[in-house]
C-alpha atoms as a PDB file:
ATOM      1  CA  MET A   1      -0.720  29.044  27.124  1.00  0.00           C
ATOM      2  CA  TYR A   2       0.471  25.805  25.718  1.00  0.00           C
ATOM      3  CA  SER A   3       2.366  25.199  22.402  1.00  0.00           C
ATOM      4  CA  GLN A   4       1.617  22.396  19.977  1.00  0.00           C
ATOM      5  CA  SER A   5       4.964  20.716  20.751  1.00  0.00           C
ATOM      6  CA  GLY A   6       4.452  21.046  24.530  1.00  0.00           C
ATOM      7  CA  LEU A   7       1.069  19.339  24.171  1.00  0.00           C
ATOM      8  CA  LYS A   8       2.441  16.668  21.932  1.00  0.00           C
ATOM      9  CA  ASP A   9       4.904  15.833  24.611  1.00  0.00           C
ATOM     10  CA  ILE A  10       2.244  15.777  27.347  1.00  0.00           C
ATOM     11  CA  ILE A  11       0.109  13.320  25.196  1.00  0.00           C
ATOM     12  CA  ASN A  12       3.212  11.034  24.521  1.00  0.00           C
ATOM     13  CA  THR A  13       3.929  10.970  28.205  1.00  0.00           C
ATOM     14  CA  ALA A  14       0.298  10.062  28.914  1.00  0.00           C
ATOM     15  CA  LEU A  15       0.317   7.431  26.226  1.00  0.00           C
ATOM     16  CA  VAL A  16       3.403   5.795  27.705  1.00  0.00           C
ATOM     17  CA  ASN A  17       1.834   5.826  31.189  1.00  0.00           C
ATOM     18  CA  LEU A  18      -1.565   4.379  30.241  1.00  0.00           C
ATOM     19  CA  SER A  19      -2.649   1.565  32.730  1.00  0.00           C
ATOM     20  CA  TYR A  20      -3.274  -1.853  31.072  1.00  0.00           C
ATOM     21  CA  ASN A  21      -4.478  -5.126  32.218  1.00  0.00           C
ATOM     22  CA  GLU A  22      -1.137  -7.038  31.940  1.00  0.00           C
ATOM     23  CA  GLU A  23      -2.526 -10.589  32.085  1.00  0.00           C
ATOM     24  CA  SER A  24      -1.951 -11.032  28.368  1.00  0.00           C
ATOM     25  CA  GLU A  25       1.277  -9.434  26.999  1.00  0.00           C
ATOM     26  CA  ARG A  26       0.584 -10.861  23.497  1.00  0.00           C
ATOM     27  CA  LEU A  27      -2.767  -8.911  23.401  1.00  0.00           C
ATOM     28  CA  LEU A  28      -1.185  -5.649  24.540  1.00  0.00           C
ATOM     29  CA  ALA A  29       2.064  -5.712  22.559  1.00  0.00           C
ATOM     30  CA  PRO A  30       0.459  -4.592  19.256  1.00  0.00           C
ATOM     31  CA  VAL A  31      -1.370  -1.851  21.265  1.00  0.00           C
ATOM     32  CA  LYS A  32       1.900  -0.582  22.632  1.00  0.00           C
ATOM     33  CA  TYR A  33       3.692  -0.998  19.344  1.00  0.00           C
ATOM     34  CA  VAL A  34       1.077   1.125  17.267  1.00  0.00           C
ATOM     35  CA  LEU A  35       0.962   3.905  19.925  1.00  0.00           C
ATOM     36  CA  SER A  36       4.833   3.968  19.939  1.00  0.00           C
ATOM     37  CA  MET A  37       5.043   4.605  16.088  1.00  0.00           C
ATOM     38  CA  GLY A  38       4.639   8.350  16.792  1.00  0.00           C
ATOM     39  CA  GLY A  39       2.462  10.494  14.510  1.00  0.00           C
ATOM     40  CA  LYS A  40       1.292  14.077  14.617  1.00  0.00           C
ATOM     41  CA  ARG A  41      -1.094  13.369  17.735  1.00  0.00           C
ATOM     42  CA  LEU A  42      -3.388  15.789  15.879  1.00  0.00           C
ATOM     43  CA  ARG A  43      -6.577  14.850  17.600  1.00  0.00           C
ATOM     44  CA  PRO A  44      -5.468  15.137  21.225  1.00  0.00           C
ATOM     45  CA  VAL A  45      -3.332  18.232  20.676  1.00  0.00           C
ATOM     46  CA  LEU A  46      -6.469  19.807  18.917  1.00  0.00           C
ATOM     47  CA  ALA A  47      -8.584  18.921  22.006  1.00  0.00           C
ATOM     48  CA  LEU A  48      -6.080  20.397  24.354  1.00  0.00           C
ATOM     49  CA  LEU A  49      -5.621  23.621  22.366  1.00  0.00           C
ATOM     50  CA  SER A  50      -9.271  23.985  22.201  1.00  0.00           C
ATOM     51  CA  CYS A  51      -9.462  23.473  25.962  1.00  0.00           C
ATOM     52  CA  ASN A  52      -6.697  26.056  26.339  1.00  0.00           C
ATOM     53  CA  LEU A  53      -8.495  28.467  24.154  1.00  0.00           C
ATOM     54  CA  PHE A  54     -10.958  29.071  26.897  1.00  0.00           C
ATOM     55  CA  SER A  55      -9.024  28.012  30.142  1.00  0.00           C
ATOM     56  CA  ASP A  56      -5.518  27.827  31.589  1.00  0.00           C
ATOM     57  CA  LYS A  57      -6.299  24.598  33.176  1.00  0.00           C
ATOM     58  CA  ILE A  58      -6.008  21.629  30.802  1.00  0.00           C
ATOM     59  CA  ASP A  59      -5.170  18.796  33.388  1.00  0.00           C
ATOM     60  CA  GLU A  60      -8.502  17.192  33.487  1.00  0.00           C
ATOM     61  CA  ALA A  61      -8.633  17.064  29.644  1.00  0.00           C
ATOM     62  CA  VAL A  62      -5.335  15.180  29.169  1.00  0.00           C
ATOM     63  CA  ILE A  63      -6.403  11.565  29.728  1.00  0.00           C
ATOM     64  CA  PRO A  64      -9.636  11.986  27.804  1.00  0.00           C
ATOM     65  CA  ALA A  65      -7.728  13.632  24.977  1.00  0.00           C
ATOM     66  CA  THR A  66      -5.351  10.661  25.134  1.00  0.00           C
ATOM     67  CA  GLY A  67      -8.281   8.501  24.640  1.00  0.00           C
ATOM     68  CA  LEU A  68      -8.963  10.206  21.338  1.00  0.00           C
ATOM     69  CA  GLU A  69      -5.501   9.097  20.108  1.00  0.00           C
ATOM     70  CA  VAL A  70      -6.024   5.665  21.230  1.00  0.00           C
ATOM     71  CA  PHE A  71      -9.331   5.532  19.434  1.00  0.00           C
ATOM     72  CA  HIS A  72      -7.843   6.941  16.377  1.00  0.00           C
ATOM     73  CA  ASN A  73      -5.038   4.360  16.320  1.00  0.00           C
ATOM     74  CA  PHE A  74      -7.708   1.568  16.876  1.00  0.00           C
ATOM     75  CA  THR A  75      -9.358   2.816  13.631  1.00  0.00           C
ATOM     76  CA  LEU A  76      -5.976   2.781  11.853  1.00  0.00           C
ATOM     77  CA  ILE A  77      -5.281  -0.825  12.774  1.00  0.00           C
ATOM     78  CA  HIS A  78      -8.680  -2.047  11.350  1.00  0.00           C
ATOM     79  CA  ASP A  79      -8.304   0.376   8.345  1.00  0.00           C
ATOM     80  CA  ASP A  80      -4.994  -1.190   7.459  1.00  0.00           C
ATOM     81  CA  ILE A  81      -6.530  -4.633   7.475  1.00  0.00           C
ATOM     82  CA  MET A  82      -9.341  -3.619   5.196  1.00  0.00           C
ATOM     83  CA  ASP A  83      -6.955  -1.913   2.905  1.00  0.00           C
ATOM     84  CA  LYS A  84      -4.305  -4.667   3.174  1.00  0.00           C
ATOM     85  CA  ALA A  85      -1.729  -1.999   3.961  1.00  0.00           C
ATOM     86  CA  GLN A  86       1.834  -3.222   4.687  1.00  0.00           C
ATOM     87  CA  ILE A  87       3.269   0.129   5.974  1.00  0.00           C
ATOM     88  CA  ARG A  88       2.067   2.790   8.451  1.00  0.00           C
ATOM     89  CA  ARG A  89       4.190   5.640   9.555  1.00  0.00           C
ATOM     90  CA  GLY A  90       7.289   3.870   8.023  1.00  0.00           C
ATOM     91  CA  PHE A  91       6.714   0.724  10.122  1.00  0.00           C
ATOM     92  CA  ALA A  92       5.008  -2.652   9.394  1.00  0.00           C
ATOM     93  CA  THR A  93       1.402  -2.519  10.056  1.00  0.00           C
ATOM     94  CA  VAL A  94       0.013  -4.531  13.020  1.00  0.00           C
ATOM     95  CA  HIS A  95      -1.532  -7.318  10.868  1.00  0.00           C
ATOM     96  CA  ASN A  96       1.733  -7.619   8.806  1.00  0.00           C
ATOM     97  CA  ARG A  97       4.007  -7.777  11.880  1.00  0.00           C
ATOM     98  CA  TRP A  98       1.640 -10.141  13.841  1.00  0.00           C
ATOM     99  CA  ASN A  99      -1.244 -11.749  12.072  1.00  0.00           C
ATOM    100  CA  LEU A 100      -4.923 -10.743  11.084  1.00  0.00           C
ATOM    101  CA  ASN A 101      -6.638 -12.295  14.007  1.00  0.00           C
ATOM    102  CA  GLN A 102      -4.044 -10.634  16.485  1.00  0.00           C
ATOM    103  CA  ALA A 103      -4.619  -7.297  14.818  1.00  0.00           C
ATOM    104  CA  ILE A 104      -8.373  -7.480  15.101  1.00  0.00           C
ATOM    105  CA  LEU A 105      -8.369  -8.489  18.761  1.00  0.00           C
ATOM    106  CA  SER A 106      -5.741  -5.954  19.853  1.00  0.00           C
ATOM    107  CA  GLY A 107      -7.642  -3.310  17.914  1.00  0.00           C
ATOM    108  CA  ASP A 108     -10.826  -4.257  19.706  1.00  0.00           C
ATOM    109  CA  VAL A 109      -9.285  -3.764  23.185  1.00  0.00           C
ATOM    110  CA  MET A 110      -8.221  -0.276  22.195  1.00  0.00           C
ATOM    111  CA  ALA A 111     -11.831   0.757  21.844  1.00  0.00           C
ATOM    112  CA  PHE A 112     -12.317  -0.086  25.610  1.00  0.00           C
ATOM    113  CA  ILE A 113      -9.188   1.516  26.683  1.00  0.00           C
ATOM    114  CA  THR A 114     -10.618   4.616  25.034  1.00  0.00           C
ATOM    115  CA  ASN A 115     -13.636   4.362  27.140  1.00  0.00           C
ATOM    116  CA  GLU A 116     -11.512   4.036  30.297  1.00  0.00           C
ATOM    117  CA  CYS A 117      -9.764   7.203  29.369  1.00  0.00           C
ATOM    118  CA  PHE A 118     -13.087   9.149  28.911  1.00  0.00           C
ATOM    119  CA  LEU A 119     -14.343   7.920  32.183  1.00  0.00           C
ATOM    120  CA  GLN A 120     -11.764  10.047  33.918  1.00  0.00           C
ATOM    121  CA  SER A 121     -13.689  13.155  32.821  1.00  0.00           C
ATOM    122  CA  PRO A 122     -15.217  15.307  35.546  1.00  0.00           C
ATOM    123  CA  PRO A 123     -18.740  13.998  36.384  1.00  0.00           C
ATOM    124  CA  GLY A 124     -20.383  17.188  35.437  1.00  0.00           C
ATOM    125  CA  ILE A 125     -19.430  17.004  31.839  1.00  0.00           C
ATOM    126  CA  LEU A 126     -18.944  13.258  31.282  1.00  0.00           C
ATOM    127  CA  PRO A 127     -22.406  12.675  29.724  1.00  0.00           C
ATOM    128  CA  ARG A 128     -21.921  15.565  27.385  1.00  0.00           C
ATOM    129  CA  VAL A 129     -18.353  14.493  26.427  1.00  0.00           C
ATOM    130  CA  LEU A 130     -19.422  10.875  25.876  1.00  0.00           C
ATOM    131  CA  ARG A 131     -22.403  11.970  23.637  1.00  0.00           C
ATOM    132  CA  ILE A 132     -20.027  13.980  21.348  1.00  0.00           C
ATOM    133  CA  PHE A 133     -17.482  11.227  21.198  1.00  0.00           C
ATOM    134  CA  ASN A 134     -19.934   8.354  20.720  1.00  0.00           C
ATOM    135  CA  LYS A 135     -21.821  10.210  17.873  1.00  0.00           C
ATOM    136  CA  ALA A 136     -18.306  10.811  16.102  1.00  0.00           C
ATOM    137  CA  ALA A 137     -17.123   7.147  16.653  1.00  0.00           C
ATOM    138  CA  ILE A 138     -20.483   5.884  14.974  1.00  0.00           C
ATOM    139  CA  GLU A 139     -20.060   8.329  12.126  1.00  0.00           C
ATOM    140  CA  VAL A 140     -16.489   7.213  11.576  1.00  0.00           C
ATOM    141  CA  CYS A 141     -17.850   3.588  11.150  1.00  0.00           C
ATOM    142  CA  VAL A 142     -20.439   4.746   8.687  1.00  0.00           C
ATOM    143  CA  GLY A 143     -17.770   6.655   6.769  1.00  0.00           C
ATOM    144  CA  GLN A 144     -15.598   3.550   6.562  1.00  0.00           C
ATOM    145  CA  GLN A 145     -18.568   1.706   5.293  1.00  0.00           C
ATOM    146  CA  LEU A 146     -19.170   4.312   2.546  1.00  0.00           C
ATOM    147  CA  ASP A 147     -15.458   3.983   1.679  1.00  0.00           C
ATOM    148  CA  MET A 148     -15.668   0.363   1.210  1.00  0.00           C
ATOM    149  CA  ASP A 149     -19.006   0.618  -0.813  1.00  0.00           C
ATOM    150  CA  PHE A 150     -17.219   3.085  -3.127  1.00  0.00           C
ATOM    151  CA  GLU A 151     -14.607   0.619  -4.038  1.00  0.00           C
ATOM    152  CA  ARG A 152     -17.354  -1.388  -5.833  1.00  0.00           C
ATOM    153  CA  ALA A 153     -19.129   1.495  -7.223  1.00  0.00           C
ATOM    154  CA  ALA A 154     -18.752   2.481 -10.909  1.00  0.00           C
ATOM    155  CA  ILE A 155     -19.320   6.121 -10.206  1.00  0.00           C
ATOM    156  CA  VAL A 156     -18.722   8.182  -7.169  1.00  0.00           C
ATOM    157  CA  SER A 157     -19.907  11.791  -7.144  1.00  0.00           C
ATOM    158  CA  ARG A 158     -17.931  14.690  -5.553  1.00  0.00           C
ATOM    159  CA  GLU A 159     -20.831  15.171  -3.020  1.00  0.00           C
ATOM    160  CA  GLU A 160     -20.661  11.510  -2.065  1.00  0.00           C
ATOM    161  CA  TYR A 161     -16.907  11.479  -1.695  1.00  0.00           C
ATOM    162  CA  LEU A 162     -17.039  14.693   0.468  1.00  0.00           C
ATOM    163  CA  ARG A 163     -19.714  13.194   2.591  1.00  0.00           C
ATOM    164  CA  MET A 164     -17.617   9.948   3.114  1.00  0.00           C
ATOM    165  CA  ILE A 165     -14.567  11.892   4.250  1.00  0.00           C
ATOM    166  CA  GLU A 166     -16.555  14.080   6.426  1.00  0.00           C
ATOM    167  CA  LEU A 167     -17.755  10.875   8.272  1.00  0.00           C
ATOM    168  CA  LYS A 168     -14.548   8.897   8.092  1.00  0.00           C
ATOM    169  CA  THR A 169     -12.171  11.603   9.019  1.00  0.00           C
ATOM    170  CA  ALA A 170     -13.462  15.151   9.696  1.00  0.00           C
ATOM    171  CA  VAL A 171     -16.067  14.348  12.346  1.00  0.00           C
ATOM    172  CA  LEU A 172     -13.374  12.984  14.764  1.00  0.00           C
ATOM    173  CA  LEU A 173     -11.334  16.094  14.414  1.00  0.00           C
ATOM    174  CA  ALA A 174     -14.485  18.031  14.931  1.00  0.00           C
ATOM    175  CA  ALA A 175     -15.394  16.141  17.906  1.00  0.00           C
ATOM    176  CA  SER A 176     -11.892  16.525  19.306  1.00  0.00           C
ATOM    177  CA  ALA A 177     -11.998  20.344  19.100  1.00  0.00           C
ATOM    178  CA  LYS A 178     -15.539  20.362  20.532  1.00  0.00           C
ATOM    179  CA  ILE A 179     -14.702  18.101  23.391  1.00  0.00           C
ATOM    180  CA  GLY A 180     -11.614  20.201  24.295  1.00  0.00           C
ATOM    181  CA  SER A 181     -13.744  23.321  24.259  1.00  0.00           C
ATOM    182  CA  VAL A 182     -16.207  21.723  26.687  1.00  0.00           C
ATOM    183  CA  PHE A 183     -13.345  20.928  29.040  1.00  0.00           C
ATOM    184  CA  GLY A 184     -12.382  24.617  28.733  1.00  0.00           C
ATOM    185  CA  GLY A 185     -15.959  25.770  29.729  1.00  0.00           C
ATOM    186  CA  ALA A 186     -16.916  27.113  26.407  1.00  0.00           C
ATOM    187  CA  ASP A 187     -20.636  27.993  25.890  1.00  0.00           C
ATOM    188  CA  GLU A 188     -22.791  25.902  23.319  1.00  0.00           C
ATOM    189  CA  LYS A 189     -22.207  28.546  20.500  1.00  0.00           C
ATOM    190  CA  ASP A 190     -18.495  28.482  20.851  1.00  0.00           C
ATOM    191  CA  ALA A 191     -18.380  24.735  21.172  1.00  0.00           C
ATOM    192  CA  ASP A 192     -20.255  24.378  17.946  1.00  0.00           C
ATOM    193  CA  LEU A 193     -17.924  26.968  16.341  1.00  0.00           C
ATOM    194  CA  LEU A 194     -14.991  24.820  17.440  1.00  0.00           C
ATOM    195  CA  TYR A 195     -16.804  21.728  16.049  1.00  0.00           C
ATOM    196  CA  GLU A 196     -17.120  23.495  12.654  1.00  0.00           C
ATOM    197  CA  PHE A 197     -13.477  24.618  12.816  1.00  0.00           C
ATOM    198  CA  GLY A 198     -12.366  20.952  13.454  1.00  0.00           C
ATOM    199  CA  LYS A 199     -14.672  19.615  10.628  1.00  0.00           C
ATOM    200  CA  ASN A 200     -13.373  21.870   8.033  1.00  0.00           C
ATOM    201  CA  LEU A 201      -9.764  21.264   9.153  1.00  0.00           C
ATOM    202  CA  GLY A 202     -10.468  17.522   8.841  1.00  0.00           C
ATOM    203  CA  MET A 203     -11.826  17.810   5.335  1.00  0.00           C
ATOM    204  CA  ALA A 204      -8.769  19.779   4.248  1.00  0.00           C
ATOM    205  CA  PHE A 205      -6.493  17.102   5.968  1.00  0.00           C
ATOM    206  CA  GLN A 206      -8.160  14.254   4.320  1.00  0.00           C
ATOM    207  CA  ILE A 207      -7.881  15.879   0.779  1.00  0.00           C
ATOM    208  CA  GLN A 208      -4.223  16.584   1.392  1.00  0.00           C
ATOM    209  CA  ASP A 209      -3.803  13.005   2.541  1.00  0.00           C
ATOM    210  CA  ASP A 210      -5.427  11.768  -0.827  1.00  0.00           C
ATOM    211  CA  ILE A 211      -2.898  14.089  -2.600  1.00  0.00           C
ATOM    212  CA  LEU A 212       0.085  12.739  -0.536  1.00  0.00           C
ATOM    213  CA  ASP A 213      -0.939   9.175  -1.135  1.00  0.00           C
ATOM    214  CA  THR A 214      -0.272   9.638  -4.813  1.00  0.00           C
ATOM    215  CA  TYR A 215       2.319  12.364  -4.904  1.00  0.00           C
ATOM    216  CA  GLY A 216       4.113  12.233  -1.441  1.00  0.00           C
ATOM    217  CA  ASP A 217       7.457  10.933  -0.736  1.00  0.00           C
ATOM    218  CA  THR A 218       7.108   7.434   0.932  1.00  0.00           C
ATOM    219  CA  ARG A 219      10.111   8.239   3.254  1.00  0.00           C
ATOM    220  CA  VAL A 220       8.356  11.453   4.430  1.00  0.00           C
ATOM    221  CA  PHE A 221       4.762  10.341   4.133  1.00  0.00           C
ATOM    222  CA  GLY A 222       5.399   7.081   6.026  1.00  0.00           C
ATOM    223  CA  LYS A 223       3.096   4.917   3.681  1.00  0.00           C
ATOM    224  CA  ALA A 224       3.778   3.238   0.369  1.00  0.00           C
ATOM    225  CA  SER A 225       3.087   5.663  -2.455  1.00  0.00           C
ATOM    226  CA  GLY A 226      -0.002   4.810  -4.559  1.00  0.00           C
ATOM    227  CA  GLY A 227      -1.686   2.731  -1.778  1.00  0.00           C
ATOM    228  CA  ASP A 228      -5.045   4.326  -2.619  1.00  0.00           C
ATOM    229  CA  ILE A 229      -4.677   3.476  -6.286  1.00  0.00           C
ATOM    230  CA  MET A 230      -3.857  -0.177  -5.633  1.00  0.00           C
ATOM    231  CA  ALA A 231      -6.643  -0.502  -3.122  1.00  0.00           C
ATOM    232  CA  GLY A 232      -9.056   0.800  -5.759  1.00  0.00           C
ATOM    233  CA  LYS A 233     -10.078   3.762  -3.456  1.00  0.00           C
ATOM    234  CA  LYS A 234     -12.348   6.445  -5.061  1.00  0.00           C
ATOM    235  CA  THR A 235     -10.265   9.586  -3.670  1.00  0.00           C
ATOM    236  CA  LEU A 236     -10.717  13.179  -4.702  1.00  0.00           C
ATOM    237  CA  LEU A 237      -8.167  12.770  -7.335  1.00  0.00           C
ATOM    238  CA  TYR A 238     -10.102   9.896  -9.059  1.00  0.00           C
ATOM    239  CA  VAL A 239     -13.467  11.526  -8.591  1.00  0.00           C
ATOM    240  CA  LYS A 240     -12.227  14.750 -10.083  1.00  0.00           C
ATOM    241  CA  ALA A 241     -10.450  12.854 -12.937  1.00  0.00           C
ATOM    242  CA  SER A 242     -13.763  11.185 -13.717  1.00  0.00           C
ATOM    243  CA  GLU A 243     -15.537  14.569 -13.801  1.00  0.00           C
ATOM    244  CA  LEU A 244     -12.984  16.194 -16.201  1.00  0.00           C
ATOM    245  CA  ALA A 245     -12.132  13.106 -18.355  1.00  0.00           C
ATOM    246  CA  SER A 246     -13.550  12.592 -21.804  1.00  0.00           C
ATOM    247  CA  THR A 247     -15.475   9.307 -22.407  1.00  0.00           C
ATOM    248  CA  GLU A 248     -12.293   7.614 -23.693  1.00  0.00           C
ATOM    249  CA  GLN A 249     -10.226   8.945 -20.803  1.00  0.00           C
ATOM    250  CA  ARG A 250     -12.809   7.890 -18.230  1.00  0.00           C
ATOM    251  CA  LYS A 251     -12.961   4.335 -19.718  1.00  0.00           C
ATOM    252  CA  LYS A 252      -8.967   4.143 -19.628  1.00  0.00           C
ATOM    253  CA  LEU A 253      -8.933   5.333 -16.015  1.00  0.00           C
ATOM    254  CA  HIS A 254     -11.651   2.808 -14.971  1.00  0.00           C
ATOM    255  CA  ASP A 255      -9.872  -0.107 -16.791  1.00  0.00           C
ATOM    256  CA  ILE A 256      -6.510   0.681 -15.262  1.00  0.00           C
ATOM    257  CA  TYR A 257      -7.951   1.264 -11.741  1.00  0.00           C
ATOM    258  CA  THR A 258      -9.785  -1.943 -11.756  1.00  0.00           C
ATOM    259  CA  SER A 259      -7.105  -4.057 -13.515  1.00  0.00           C
ATOM    260  CA  GLY A 260      -6.000  -6.999 -11.334  1.00  0.00           C
ATOM    261  CA  THR A 261      -3.177  -7.995 -13.698  1.00  0.00           C
ATOM    262  CA  MET A 262      -1.031  -4.918 -14.036  1.00  0.00           C
ATOM    263  CA  GLU A 263       2.123  -4.567 -12.149  1.00  0.00           C
ATOM    264  CA  PRO A 264       1.733  -2.169  -9.126  1.00  0.00           C
ATOM    265  CA  GLU A 265       4.463   0.193 -10.428  1.00  0.00           C
ATOM    266  CA  ALA A 266       2.920   0.388 -13.898  1.00  0.00           C
ATOM    267  CA  LYS A 267      -0.514   0.801 -12.527  1.00  0.00           C
ATOM    268  CA  ILE A 268       0.444   3.591 -10.294  1.00  0.00           C
ATOM    269  CA  LYS A 269       2.243   5.293 -12.962  1.00  0.00           C
ATOM    270  CA  ALA A 270      -0.366   5.014 -15.532  1.00  0.00           C
ATOM    271  CA  VAL A 271      -3.147   6.431 -13.276  1.00  0.00           C
ATOM    272  CA  THR A 272      -0.859   9.314 -11.953  1.00  0.00           C
ATOM    273  CA  ALA A 273      -0.158  10.093 -15.672  1.00  0.00           C
ATOM    274  CA  LEU A 274      -3.815  10.495 -16.259  1.00  0.00           C
ATOM    275  CA  PHE A 275      -4.283  12.510 -13.082  1.00  0.00           C
ATOM    276  CA  ASP A 276      -1.460  14.884 -14.300  1.00  0.00           C
ATOM    277  CA  GLN A 277      -2.995  15.250 -17.883  1.00  0.00           C
ATOM    278  CA  LEU A 278      -6.268  16.088 -16.283  1.00  0.00           C
ATOM    279  CA  GLY A 279      -4.908  18.576 -13.995  1.00  0.00           C
ATOM    280  CA  VAL A 280      -6.624  17.109 -10.793  1.00  0.00           C
ATOM    281  CA  ARG A 281      -3.907  17.868  -8.285  1.00  0.00           C
ATOM    282  CA  PRO A 282      -4.272  21.700  -8.458  1.00  0.00           C
ATOM    283  CA  ALA A 283      -7.961  21.268  -8.312  1.00  0.00           C
ATOM    284  CA  ALA A 284      -7.626  19.121  -5.181  1.00  0.00           C
ATOM    285  CA  GLU A 285      -5.245  21.568  -3.676  1.00  0.00           C
ATOM    286  CA  SER A 286      -7.650  24.441  -4.241  1.00  0.00           C
ATOM    287  CA  LEU A 287     -10.506  22.632  -2.585  1.00  0.00           C
ATOM    288  CA  ALA A 288      -8.298  21.808   0.488  1.00  0.00           C
ATOM    289  CA  GLY A 289      -7.439  25.488   0.665  1.00  0.00           C
ATOM    290  CA  GLU A 290     -11.057  26.394   0.657  1.00  0.00           C
ATOM    291  CA  TYR A 291     -11.775  24.250   3.589  1.00  0.00           C
ATOM    292  CA  LEU A 292      -8.788  25.607   5.572  1.00  0.00           C
ATOM    293  CA  ARG A 293     -10.151  29.128   5.033  1.00  0.00           C
ATOM    294  CA  ASN A 294     -13.547  28.095   6.214  1.00  0.00           C
ATOM    295  CA  ALA A 295     -11.750  26.596   9.344  1.00  0.00           C
ATOM    296  CA  LEU A 296     -10.206  29.855  10.030  1.00  0.00           C
ATOM    297  CA  GLY A 297     -13.324  31.722   9.625  1.00  0.00           C
ATOM    298  CA  CYS A 298     -15.061  29.613  12.277  1.00  0.00           C
ATOM    299  CA  LEU A 299     -12.104  30.109  14.625  1.00  0.00           C
ATOM    300  CA  GLU A 300     -12.234  33.873  14.149  1.00  0.00           C
ATOM    301  CA  LYS A 301     -15.895  33.995  15.353  1.00  0.00           C
ATOM    302  CA  ALA A 302     -15.118  32.084  18.557  1.00  0.00           C
ATOM    303  CA  GLY A 303     -15.318  34.169  21.703  1.00  0.00           C
ATOM    304  CA  ALA A 304     -11.697  33.848  22.872  1.00  0.00           C
ATOM    305  CA  PRO A 305      -8.886  36.331  22.894  1.00  0.00           C
ATOM    306  CA  GLN A 306      -6.923  36.403  19.626  1.00  0.00           C
ATOM    307  CA  GLU A 307      -3.654  35.569  21.278  1.00  0.00           C
ATOM    308  CA  ARG A 308      -5.179  32.317  22.441  1.00  0.00           C
ATOM    309  CA  LYS A 309      -6.123  31.462  18.870  1.00  0.00           C
ATOM    310  CA  GLU A 310      -2.448  31.741  17.590  1.00  0.00           C
ATOM    311  CA  GLU A 311      -1.456  28.132  18.224  1.00  0.00           C
ATOM    312  CA  LEU A 312      -4.635  26.855  16.522  1.00  0.00           C
ATOM    313  CA  ILE A 313      -3.970  29.123  13.601  1.00  0.00           C
ATOM    314  CA  ALA A 314      -0.310  27.800  13.575  1.00  0.00           C
ATOM    315  CA  LEU A 315      -1.679  24.331  13.599  1.00  0.00           C
ATOM    316  CA  THR A 316      -3.894  25.024  10.571  1.00  0.00           C
ATOM    317  CA  GLY A 317      -0.969  26.664   8.694  1.00  0.00           C
ATOM    318  CA  ALA A 318       1.219  23.665   9.460  1.00  0.00           C
ATOM    319  CA  LEU A 319      -1.312  21.393   7.715  1.00  0.00           C
ATOM    320  CA  THR A 320      -1.328  23.519   4.540  1.00  0.00           C
ATOM    321  CA  ARG A 321       2.421  22.898   4.184  1.00  0.00           C
ATOM    322  CA  ARG A 322       2.588  19.320   5.431  1.00  0.00           C
ATOM    323  CA  GLU A 323       4.409  16.718   3.482  1.00  0.00           C
ATOM    324  CA  SER A 324       3.504  13.757   5.753  1.00  0.00           C
END
């Protein structure tokens, strides 16, 4: 059986060894840059652990799993453009280091590199794997659209927020787990259980990401603190604050959140103070914990030996304690 750290090393090696059309170094330099930033490699590691849950043989899954990481980083490049983010994983974002047009184009080519990775799947499962991935990729785009729509919305309900993060974040983790299980030879029932495991894990992951964006240490988290507040994003913290706030507090929160004149530091401090006053952080942490318990419940039902589940359980536990 494989460990998380061992699989991360395998993925990092595969990323370094990806084949590129070297005709335009300027096109590929941002691609290599963003893939070299590091990161948890959560999606490909999740895929390979899910494969290893049902099979000792993971070789055929490595390059397609690497494609999941390429696709994820492609979405990050475009997400950073839309959010006007300056820092990613402690490094300058691609559009900040190069320029907007270069970031768009280099991001685009990563979508096709992803396809090349998936085309290395065995012919017998390729159509199934592509259907799972394409469905998730489209849903990620729908989720991003909802996220942008919410920036202009006066009110976002808890249900609307949860659906948005399910699409934007959780479905790709769900697809990663399911694709890995397909490579491992899982039957449809177990593949669906792995999908639900990944989806619940993804929901918890994104809620924790919302919390860390406001409360995390920039040196550890790798992104500027308060970025969601400055971008006007309706995160769970904002949604929960709106639910709990009095009419006066809700108006104050809205006015601060939408202010275009406040200094960034003052704006982040004022919103965070309201969050603290309303106790939204513990409420968000509680919901993240609920999703993590749901994830473990799905994993428990999967028809694989308990010892093969230990690394996935450890991965889930690591996410509950993460600070970055």
